[in-house]
C-alpha atoms as a PDB file:
ATOM      1  CA  MET A   1     -11.405  37.085 -29.299  1.00  0.00           C
ATOM      2  CA  GLU A   2      -8.736  37.766 -26.717  1.00  0.00           C
ATOM      3  CA  SER A   3     -11.095  36.577 -23.992  1.00  0.00           C
ATOM      4  CA  ALA A   4     -11.704  33.289 -25.821  1.00  0.00           C
ATOM      5  CA  GLU A   5      -7.987  32.788 -26.356  1.00  0.00           C
ATOM      6  CA  HIS A   6      -7.325  33.556 -22.706  1.00  0.00           C
ATOM      7  CA  MET A   7      -9.937  31.015 -21.581  1.00  0.00           C
ATOM      8  CA  THR A   8      -8.512  28.412 -23.938  1.00  0.00           C
ATOM      9  CA  ARG A   9      -5.030  29.028 -22.575  1.00  0.00           C
ATOM     10  CA  GLN A  10      -6.281  28.803 -18.991  1.00  0.00           C
ATOM     11  CA  THR A  11      -8.080  25.545 -19.752  1.00  0.00           C
ATOM     12  CA  GLY A  12      -4.932  24.143 -21.341  1.00  0.00           C
ATOM     13  CA  ASN A  13      -2.832  25.115 -18.329  1.00  0.00           C
ATOM     14  CA  TRP A  14      -5.422  23.622 -15.970  1.00  0.00           C
ATOM     15  CA  LEU A  15      -5.473  20.316 -17.839  1.00  0.00           C
ATOM     16  CA  LYS A  16      -1.685  20.246 -18.061  1.00  0.00           C
ATOM     17  CA  ARG A  17      -1.435  20.607 -14.313  1.00  0.00           C
ATOM     18  CA  TRP A  18      -4.277  18.384 -13.165  1.00  0.00           C
ATOM     19  CA  TRP A  19      -4.335  15.562 -15.728  1.00  0.00           C
ATOM     20  CA  PRO A  20      -2.211  13.108 -13.658  1.00  0.00           C
ATOM     21  CA  LEU A  21      -4.574  13.395 -10.697  1.00  0.00           C
ATOM     22  CA  LEU A  22      -7.652  13.202 -12.924  1.00  0.00           C
ATOM     23  CA  LEU A  23      -6.244  10.125 -14.674  1.00  0.00           C
ATOM     24  CA  LEU A  24      -5.500   8.275 -11.419  1.00  0.00           C
ATOM     25  CA  ALA A  25      -8.895   9.171  -9.952  1.00  0.00           C
ATOM     26  CA  SER A  26     -10.758   8.155 -13.122  1.00  0.00           C
ATOM     27  CA  VAL A  27      -9.005   4.795 -13.428  1.00  0.00           C
ATOM     28  CA  SER A  28      -9.506   4.098  -9.715  1.00  0.00           C
ATOM     29  CA  VAL A  29     -13.238   4.851  -9.942  1.00  0.00           C
ATOM     30  CA  PHE A  30     -13.502   2.673 -13.064  1.00  0.00           C
ATOM     31  CA  VAL A  31     -11.778  -0.276 -11.361  1.00  0.00           C
ATOM     32  CA  VAL A  32     -14.047  -0.024  -8.319  1.00  0.00           C
ATOM     33  CA  ALA A  33     -17.149   0.414 -10.481  1.00  0.00           C
ATOM     34  CA  MET A  34     -16.249  -2.745 -12.424  1.00  0.00           C
ATOM     35  CA  GLY A  35     -15.784  -4.600  -9.159  1.00  0.00           C
ATOM     36  CA  TRP A  36     -12.275  -5.781 -10.026  1.00  0.00           C
ATOM     37  CA  HIS A  37     -11.010  -4.911  -6.539  1.00  0.00           C
ATOM     38  CA  ARG A  38     -13.157  -7.733  -5.157  1.00  0.00           C
ATOM     39  CA  TYR A  39     -10.729 -10.247  -6.676  1.00  0.00           C
ATOM     40  CA  LEU A  40      -7.987  -9.115  -4.275  1.00  0.00           C
ATOM     41  CA  THR A  41      -8.974 -11.491  -1.484  1.00  0.00           C
ATOM     42  CA  LEU A  42      -7.456 -14.598   0.040  1.00  0.00           C
ATOM     43  CA  GLU A  43     -10.630 -16.480  -0.810  1.00  0.00           C
ATOM     44  CA  GLN A  44     -10.034 -15.793  -4.506  1.00  0.00           C
ATOM     45  CA  LEU A  45      -6.409 -16.856  -4.110  1.00  0.00           C
ATOM     46  CA  ALA A  46      -7.465 -20.119  -2.454  1.00  0.00           C
ATOM     47  CA  GLN A  47     -10.013 -20.898  -5.167  1.00  0.00           C
ATOM     48  CA  ASN A  48      -7.607 -20.181  -8.034  1.00  0.00           C
ATOM     49  CA  ARG A  49      -4.309 -21.338  -6.547  1.00  0.00           C
ATOM     50  CA  GLU A  50      -3.898 -24.390  -8.779  1.00  0.00           C
ATOM     51  CA  SER A  51      -4.484 -22.462 -12.016  1.00  0.00           C
ATOM     52  CA  LEU A  52      -2.220 -19.632 -10.839  1.00  0.00           C
ATOM     53  CA  ARG A  53       0.600 -22.014 -10.007  1.00  0.00           C
ATOM     54  CA  ALA A  54       0.191 -23.745 -13.366  1.00  0.00           C
ATOM     55  CA  LEU A  55       0.427 -20.361 -15.067  1.00  0.00           C
ATOM     56  CA  ILE A  56       3.561 -19.510 -13.098  1.00  0.00           C
ATOM     57  CA  ASP A  57       5.176 -22.850 -13.912  1.00  0.00           C
ATOM     58  CA  GLY A  58       4.490 -22.231 -17.596  1.00  0.00           C
ATOM     59  CA  ASN A  59       6.039 -18.752 -17.716  1.00  0.00           C
ATOM     60  CA  TYR A  60       7.685 -17.748 -14.475  1.00  0.00           C
ATOM     61  CA  ALA A  61       9.278 -14.463 -15.603  1.00  0.00           C
ATOM     62  CA  LEU A  62       6.097 -13.146 -17.238  1.00  0.00           C
ATOM     63  CA  ALA A  63       3.998 -14.121 -14.209  1.00  0.00           C
ATOM     64  CA  LEU A  64       6.403 -12.370 -11.840  1.00  0.00           C
ATOM     65  CA  ALA A  65       6.357  -9.229 -14.005  1.00  0.00           C
ATOM     66  CA  ALA A  66       2.555  -9.301 -14.154  1.00  0.00           C
ATOM     67  CA  PHE A  67       2.387  -9.645 -10.359  1.00  0.00           C
ATOM     68  CA  ALA A  68       4.740  -6.678  -9.911  1.00  0.00           C
ATOM     69  CA  ALA A  69       2.712  -4.561 -12.339  1.00  0.00           C
ATOM     70  CA  LEU A  70      -0.582  -5.460 -10.637  1.00  0.00           C
ATOM     71  CA  TYR A  71       0.882  -4.616  -7.234  1.00  0.00           C
ATOM     72  CA  ALA A  72       2.311  -1.257  -8.368  1.00  0.00           C
ATOM     73  CA  ILE A  73      -0.927  -0.283 -10.135  1.00  0.00           C
ATOM     74  CA  SER A  74      -3.095  -1.182  -7.137  1.00  0.00           C
ATOM     75  CA  VAL A  75      -0.913   0.974  -4.873  1.00  0.00           C
ATOM     76  CA  ALA A  76      -0.851   3.867  -7.355  1.00  0.00           C
ATOM     77  CA  LEU A  77      -4.652   3.738  -7.595  1.00  0.00           C
ATOM     78  CA  SER A  78      -4.970   3.442  -3.787  1.00  0.00           C
ATOM     79  CA  ILE A  79      -7.055   0.274  -4.143  1.00  0.00           C
ATOM     80  CA  PRO A  80      -7.212  -1.812  -0.948  1.00  0.00           C
ATOM     81  CA  GLY A  81      -5.491  -5.165  -1.254  1.00  0.00           C
ATOM     82  CA  GLY A  82      -1.806  -4.564  -0.627  1.00  0.00           C
ATOM     83  CA  VAL A  83      -1.692  -7.020   2.269  1.00  0.00           C
ATOM     84  CA  VAL A  84      -3.454  -9.698   0.229  1.00  0.00           C
ATOM     85  CA  LEU A  85      -1.064  -9.171  -2.692  1.00  0.00           C
ATOM     86  CA  THR A  86       1.941  -9.407  -0.357  1.00  0.00           C
ATOM     87  CA  VAL A  87       0.636 -12.657   1.115  1.00  0.00           C
ATOM     88  CA  ALA A  88      -0.126 -13.938  -2.386  1.00  0.00           C
ATOM     89  CA  GLY A  89       3.418 -13.104  -3.512  1.00  0.00           C
ATOM     90  CA  GLY A  90       4.880 -15.184  -0.705  1.00  0.00           C
ATOM     91  CA  PHE A  91       2.485 -18.020  -1.427  1.00  0.00           C
ATOM     92  CA  LEU A  92       3.041 -18.098  -5.201  1.00  0.00           C
ATOM     93  CA  PHE A  93       6.721 -17.135  -5.556  1.00  0.00           C
ATOM     94  CA  GLY A  94       8.264 -17.937  -2.177  1.00  0.00           C
ATOM     95  CA  TRP A  95       8.766 -15.592   0.752  1.00  0.00           C
ATOM     96  CA  PHE A  96      12.036 -14.026  -0.458  1.00  0.00           C
ATOM     97  CA  THR A  97      11.233 -13.466  -4.137  1.00  0.00           C
ATOM     98  CA  GLY A  98       7.647 -12.506  -3.374  1.00  0.00           C
ATOM     99  CA  GLY A  99       8.787 -10.148  -0.617  1.00  0.00           C
ATOM    100  CA  VAL A 100      11.441  -8.413  -2.731  1.00  0.00           C
ATOM    101  CA  VAL A 101       9.083  -7.912  -5.682  1.00  0.00           C
ATOM    102  CA  SER A 102       6.340  -6.639  -3.365  1.00  0.00           C
ATOM    103  CA  ILE A 103       8.706  -4.097  -1.814  1.00  0.00           C
ATOM    104  CA  LEU A 104       9.881  -2.820  -5.195  1.00  0.00           C
ATOM    105  CA  ALA A 105       6.360  -2.683  -6.642  1.00  0.00           C
ATOM    106  CA  ALA A 106       4.874  -0.992  -3.570  1.00  0.00           C
ATOM    107  CA  THR A 107       7.655   1.606  -3.594  1.00  0.00           C
ATOM    108  CA  ALA A 108       7.067   2.295  -7.295  1.00  0.00           C
ATOM    109  CA  GLY A 109       3.310   2.657  -6.847  1.00  0.00           C
ATOM    110  CA  ALA A 110       3.716   4.883  -3.784  1.00  0.00           C
ATOM    111  CA  THR A 111       6.175   7.088  -5.671  1.00  0.00           C
ATOM    112  CA  VAL A 112       3.582   7.692  -8.373  1.00  0.00           C
ATOM    113  CA  ILE A 113       1.165   9.060  -5.770  1.00  0.00           C
ATOM    114  CA  TYR A 114       3.923  11.208  -4.252  1.00  0.00           C
ATOM    115  CA  LEU A 115       4.791  12.732  -7.629  1.00  0.00           C
ATOM    116  CA  VAL A 116       1.150  13.419  -8.465  1.00  0.00           C
ATOM    117  CA  ALA A 117       0.584  15.074  -5.092  1.00  0.00           C
ATOM    118  CA  ARG A 118       3.730  17.176  -5.391  1.00  0.00           C
ATOM    119  CA  THR A 119       3.046  18.389  -8.917  1.00  0.00           C
ATOM    120  CA  THR A 120      -0.725  18.961  -8.731  1.00  0.00           C
ATOM    121  CA  LEU A 121      -1.791  19.598  -5.145  1.00  0.00           C
ATOM    122  CA  ARG A 122       1.151  21.048  -3.246  1.00  0.00           C
ATOM    123  CA  ASP A 123       1.004  24.574  -4.687  1.00  0.00           C
ATOM    124  CA  VAL A 124      -2.696  24.773  -3.850  1.00  0.00           C
ATOM    125  CA  LEU A 125      -2.048  23.612  -0.293  1.00  0.00           C
ATOM    126  CA  VAL A 126       0.839  26.050   0.192  1.00  0.00           C
ATOM    127  CA  ALA A 127      -1.265  28.945  -1.100  1.00  0.00           C
ATOM    128  CA  LYS A 128      -4.115  28.176   1.295  1.00  0.00           C
ATOM    129  CA  ALA A 129      -2.108  26.942   4.275  1.00  0.00           C
ATOM    130  CA  GLY A 130      -1.995  29.098   7.364  1.00  0.00           C
ATOM    131  CA  PRO A 131       1.092  29.734   9.505  1.00  0.00           C
ATOM    132  CA  ARG A 132       0.360  26.761  11.749  1.00  0.00           C
ATOM    133  CA  LEU A 133       0.246  24.287   8.874  1.00  0.00           C
ATOM    134  CA  GLN A 134       3.378  25.804   7.366  1.00  0.00           C
ATOM    135  CA  ARG A 135       5.233  25.361  10.671  1.00  0.00           C
ATOM    136  CA  PHE A 136       4.034  21.771  10.838  1.00  0.00           C
ATOM    137  CA  ALA A 137       5.296  21.140   7.295  1.00  0.00           C
ATOM    138  CA  GLU A 138       8.696  22.651   8.159  1.00  0.00           C
ATOM    139  CA  GLY A 139       8.960  20.500  11.283  1.00  0.00           C
ATOM    140  CA  PHE A 140       7.977  17.396   9.349  1.00  0.00           C
ATOM    141  CA  ARG A 141      10.585  18.064   6.662  1.00  0.00           C
ATOM    142  CA  GLU A 142      13.257  18.695   9.284  1.00  0.00           C
ATOM    143  CA  ASP A 143      12.872  15.170  10.676  1.00  0.00           C
ATOM    144  CA  ALA A 144      11.309  13.576   7.592  1.00  0.00           C
ATOM    145  CA  VAL A 145      13.396  10.404   7.730  1.00  0.00           C
ATOM    146  CA  SER A 146      12.363   9.533  11.290  1.00  0.00           C
ATOM    147  CA  TYR A 147       8.714  10.456  10.824  1.00  0.00           C
ATOM    148  CA  LEU A 148       8.359   8.587   7.530  1.00  0.00           C
ATOM    149  CA  LEU A 149      10.110   5.482   8.825  1.00  0.00           C
ATOM    150  CA  PHE A 150       7.734   5.452  11.794  1.00  0.00           C
ATOM    151  CA  LEU A 151       4.669   5.859   9.575  1.00  0.00           C
ATOM    152  CA  ARG A 152       5.877   3.088   7.273  1.00  0.00           C
ATOM    153  CA  LEU A 153       6.801   0.691  10.051  1.00  0.00           C
ATOM    154  CA  VAL A 154       3.699   1.281  12.188  1.00  0.00           C
ATOM    155  CA  PRO A 155       0.492   1.526  10.095  1.00  0.00           C
ATOM    156  CA  VAL A 156      -1.143   4.216  12.203  1.00  0.00           C
ATOM    157  CA  PHE A 157      -2.615   5.846   9.093  1.00  0.00           C
ATOM    158  CA  PRO A 158      -3.824   4.275   5.815  1.00  0.00           C
ATOM    159  CA  PHE A 159      -1.081   3.473   3.319  1.00  0.00           C
ATOM    160  CA  TRP A 160      -2.541   5.797   0.679  1.00  0.00           C
ATOM    161  CA  LEU A 161      -2.503   8.745   3.087  1.00  0.00           C
ATOM    162  CA  VAL A 162       1.154   8.164   3.997  1.00  0.00           C
ATOM    163  CA  ASN A 163       1.880   8.050   0.254  1.00  0.00           C
ATOM    164  CA  LEU A 164       0.093  11.343  -0.336  1.00  0.00           C
ATOM    165  CA  ALA A 165       1.113  13.521   2.614  1.00  0.00           C
ATOM    166  CA  PRO A 166       4.906  13.767   2.017  1.00  0.00           C
ATOM    167  CA  GLY A 167       4.336  15.175  -1.462  1.00  0.00           C
ATOM    168  CA  LEU A 168       2.025  17.827  -0.019  1.00  0.00           C
ATOM    169  CA  LEU A 169       4.452  18.676   2.782  1.00  0.00           C
ATOM    170  CA  GLY A 170       7.459  19.110   0.487  1.00  0.00           C
ATOM    171  CA  VAL A 171       9.519  16.059   1.500  1.00  0.00           C
ATOM    172  CA  GLY A 172      12.435  15.482  -0.896  1.00  0.00           C
ATOM    173  CA  PHE A 173      12.106  12.825  -3.596  1.00  0.00           C
ATOM    174  CA  TRP A 174      14.954  10.536  -2.543  1.00  0.00           C
ATOM    175  CA  THR A 175      14.087  10.907   1.146  1.00  0.00           C
ATOM    176  CA  TYR A 176      10.588   9.716   0.337  1.00  0.00           C
ATOM    177  CA  VAL A 177      11.695   6.841  -1.898  1.00  0.00           C
ATOM    178  CA  LEU A 178      14.359   5.508   0.487  1.00  0.00           C
ATOM    179  CA  THR A 179      12.217   5.751   3.622  1.00  0.00           C
ATOM    180  CA  THR A 180       9.356   4.037   1.796  1.00  0.00           C
ATOM    181  CA  PHE A 181      11.618   1.251   0.545  1.00  0.00           C
ATOM    182  CA  ILE A 182      13.291   0.672   3.927  1.00  0.00           C
ATOM    183  CA  GLY A 183      10.211   1.264   6.058  1.00  0.00           C
ATOM    184  CA  ILE A 184       8.011  -1.347   4.390  1.00  0.00           C
ATOM    185  CA  ILE A 185      10.636  -4.118   4.484  1.00  0.00           C
ATOM    186  CA  PRO A 186       9.757  -5.620   7.918  1.00  0.00           C
ATOM    187  CA  GLY A 187       5.996  -5.699   7.405  1.00  0.00           C
ATOM    188  CA  THR A 188       6.260  -6.917   3.819  1.00  0.00           C
ATOM    189  CA  PHE A 189       8.537  -9.831   4.670  1.00  0.00           C
ATOM    190  CA  ALA A 190       6.362 -10.691   7.668  1.00  0.00           C
ATOM    191  CA  PHE A 191       3.289 -11.060   5.455  1.00  0.00           C
ATOM    192  CA  SER A 192       5.319 -12.727   2.711  1.00  0.00           C
ATOM    193  CA  LEU A 193       6.560 -15.320   5.192  1.00  0.00           C
ATOM    194  CA  ALA A 194       2.990 -15.857   6.348  1.00  0.00           C
ATOM    195  CA  GLY A 195       1.973 -16.364   2.734  1.00  0.00           C
ATOM    196  CA  ASN A 196       4.727 -18.917   2.198  1.00  0.00           C
ATOM    197  CA  GLY A 197       2.977 -21.273   4.610  1.00  0.00           C
ATOM    198  CA  LEU A 198      -0.530 -20.468   3.483  1.00  0.00           C
ATOM    199  CA  GLY A 199      -1.142 -23.816   1.770  1.00  0.00           C
ATOM    200  CA  SER A 200      -1.857 -25.599   5.062  1.00  0.00           C
ATOM    201  CA  VAL A 201      -4.159 -22.746   6.138  1.00  0.00           C
ATOM    202  CA  PHE A 202      -6.124 -23.072   2.887  1.00  0.00           C
ATOM    203  CA  ASP A 203      -6.415 -26.833   3.312  1.00  0.00           C
ATOM    204  CA  ALA A 204      -7.600 -26.536   6.910  1.00  0.00           C
ATOM    205  CA  GLN A 205     -10.116 -23.805   6.054  1.00  0.00           C
ATOM    206  CA  GLN A 206     -11.430 -25.806   3.094  1.00  0.00           C
ATOM    207  CA  ALA A 207     -11.849 -28.932   5.238  1.00  0.00           C
ATOM    208  CA  ALA A 208     -13.680 -26.952   7.935  1.00  0.00           C
ATOM    209  CA  TYR A 209     -15.937 -25.330   5.340  1.00  0.00           C
ATOM    210  CA  GLU A 210     -16.834 -28.634   3.670  1.00  0.00           C
ATOM    211  CA  SER A 211     -17.473 -30.227   7.078  1.00  0.00           C
ATOM    212  CA  CYS A 212     -19.797 -27.362   7.976  1.00  0.00           C
ATOM    213  CA  LEU A 213     -21.708 -27.792   4.717  1.00  0.00           C
ATOM    214  CA  ALA A 214     -22.018 -31.540   5.283  1.00  0.00           C
ATOM    215  CA  ASN A 215     -23.359 -31.108   8.796  1.00  0.00           C
ATOM    216  CA  ALA A 216     -25.657 -28.183   8.025  1.00  0.00           C
ATOM    217  CA  ALA A 217     -29.112 -28.841   6.713  1.00  0.00           C
ATOM    218  CA  GLY A 218     -30.970 -26.689   4.194  1.00  0.00           C
ATOM    219  CA  ALA A 219     -30.862 -23.011   5.025  1.00  0.00           C
ATOM    220  CA  GLY A 220     -28.379 -23.746   7.793  1.00  0.00           C
ATOM    221  CA  GLN A 221     -25.660 -23.875   5.167  1.00  0.00           C
ATOM    222  CA  GLU A 222     -25.764 -20.079   5.000  1.00  0.00           C
ATOM    223  CA  SER A 223     -23.966 -20.027   8.340  1.00  0.00           C
ATOM    224  CA  CYS A 224     -20.962 -21.770   6.759  1.00  0.00           C
ATOM    225  CA  VAL A 225     -18.475 -19.087   5.740  1.00  0.00           C
ATOM    226  CA  TYR A 226     -15.244 -19.621   3.848  1.00  0.00           C
ATOM    227  CA  GLY A 227     -13.118 -16.691   4.902  1.00  0.00           C
ATOM    228  CA  ILE A 228      -9.551 -15.931   5.885  1.00  0.00           C
ATOM    229  CA  ASP A 229      -8.473 -12.739   7.646  1.00  0.00           C
ATOM    230  CA  PRO A 230      -5.038 -11.558   6.389  1.00  0.00           C
ATOM    231  CA  GLY A 231      -4.363  -9.825   9.702  1.00  0.00           C
ATOM    232  CA  ALA A 232      -4.758 -13.123  11.553  1.00  0.00           C
ATOM    233  CA  LEU A 233      -1.689 -14.498   9.755  1.00  0.00           C
ATOM    234  CA  LEU A 234       0.696 -12.398  11.838  1.00  0.00           C
ATOM    235  CA  THR A 235       1.675 -13.425  15.351  1.00  0.00           C
ATOM    236  CA  THR A 236       1.653 -11.060  18.293  1.00  0.00           C
ATOM    237  CA  GLU A 237       5.446 -11.330  18.545  1.00  0.00           C
ATOM    238  CA  VAL A 238       5.912 -10.129  14.958  1.00  0.00           C
ATOM    239  CA  LEU A 239       3.541  -7.196  15.472  1.00  0.00           C
ATOM    240  CA  VAL A 240       5.327  -6.179  18.672  1.00  0.00           C
ATOM    241  CA  ALA A 241       8.687  -6.322  16.888  1.00  0.00           C
ATOM    242  CA  ILE A 242       7.438  -4.097  14.052  1.00  0.00           C
ATOM    243  CA  VAL A 243       6.006  -1.543  16.473  1.00  0.00           C
ATOM    244  CA  ALA A 244       9.284  -1.575  18.406  1.00  0.00           C
ATOM    245  CA  LEU A 245      11.190  -0.770  15.201  1.00  0.00           C
ATOM    246  CA  GLY A 246       8.805   2.138  14.618  1.00  0.00           C
ATOM    247  CA  VAL A 247       9.454   3.486  18.108  1.00  0.00           C
ATOM    248  CA  VAL A 248      13.207   3.213  17.557  1.00  0.00           C
ATOM    249  CA  SER A 249      12.890   5.291  14.380  1.00  0.00           C
ATOM    250  CA  LEU A 250      11.528   8.190  16.466  1.00  0.00           C
ATOM    251  CA  ILE A 251      14.455   8.217  18.908  1.00  0.00           C
ATOM    252  CA  PRO A 252      16.409  10.861  16.893  1.00  0.00           C
ATOM    253  CA  VAL A 253      13.379  13.202  16.981  1.00  0.00           C
ATOM    254  CA  VAL A 254      12.925  12.791  20.740  1.00  0.00           C
ATOM    255  CA  ALA A 255      16.663  13.221  21.370  1.00  0.00           C
ATOM    256  CA  LYS A 256      16.757  16.404  19.289  1.00  0.00           C
ATOM    257  CA  LYS A 257      13.803  17.926  21.157  1.00  0.00           C
ATOM    258  CA  PHE A 258      15.364  16.957  24.493  1.00  0.00           C
ATOM    259  CA  ARG A 259      18.656  18.633  23.590  1.00  0.00           C
ATOM    260  CA  ARG A 260      16.826  21.795  22.609  1.00  0.00           C
ATOM    261  CA  ARG A 261      15.036  21.960  25.952  1.00  0.00           C
ATOM    262  CA  THR A 262      18.186  21.391  27.958  1.00  0.00           C
ATOM    263  CA  ALA A 263      20.370  23.759  25.927  1.00  0.00           C
END
């Protein structure tokens, strides 16, 4: 009897600890299995732009709230499509409004992942981490602001990984939230600005696609592809500027290490 009660208590404690992670993982798998993530493309945006704009004109506040919720949920579930949503926000709501809402929604979604990682996975990692990993975590926390700003400004690693790692490494809540909010501002507004002028890109791509179909014969039409690469919307100058901001964010870390060596 005691053994059964002990097992029941252990199961309850296990579920209490792991249910946020299990919930996120289950919903994410369900969304992917249903194929809903395939709608987060610029091609879908181009095909449905008139109906989306009509919906926004009919109820602007509700549409903006729905966009914010969709963005936050997609980030929390680590579903690819953040860039497309940012571009879509600029296209549908204007670069400033779309950019601001994207920043707030992305920060909210990323914070969910951080909290789940901190409450469910961190204790397991700490218990199994060796001295080297513990030293790395301490060094990361010591200069967390600089490191996180760099990782946000320069997408060296996937967005979901940068959302997850700080929670595992013990970065403070407000440090994480503020560096996420500030760090994604340049890239978000860059894509939002690109989205603001996307109408002409859609028109040009549609004209090229229809011309290809008209000139192709029979099976040759399969070579006509209607596709838009979100990464192609940014200019080299903008990318260089964002990388430069990321490098600047690491200056305090480099200066601190230099002072230690010369002391």
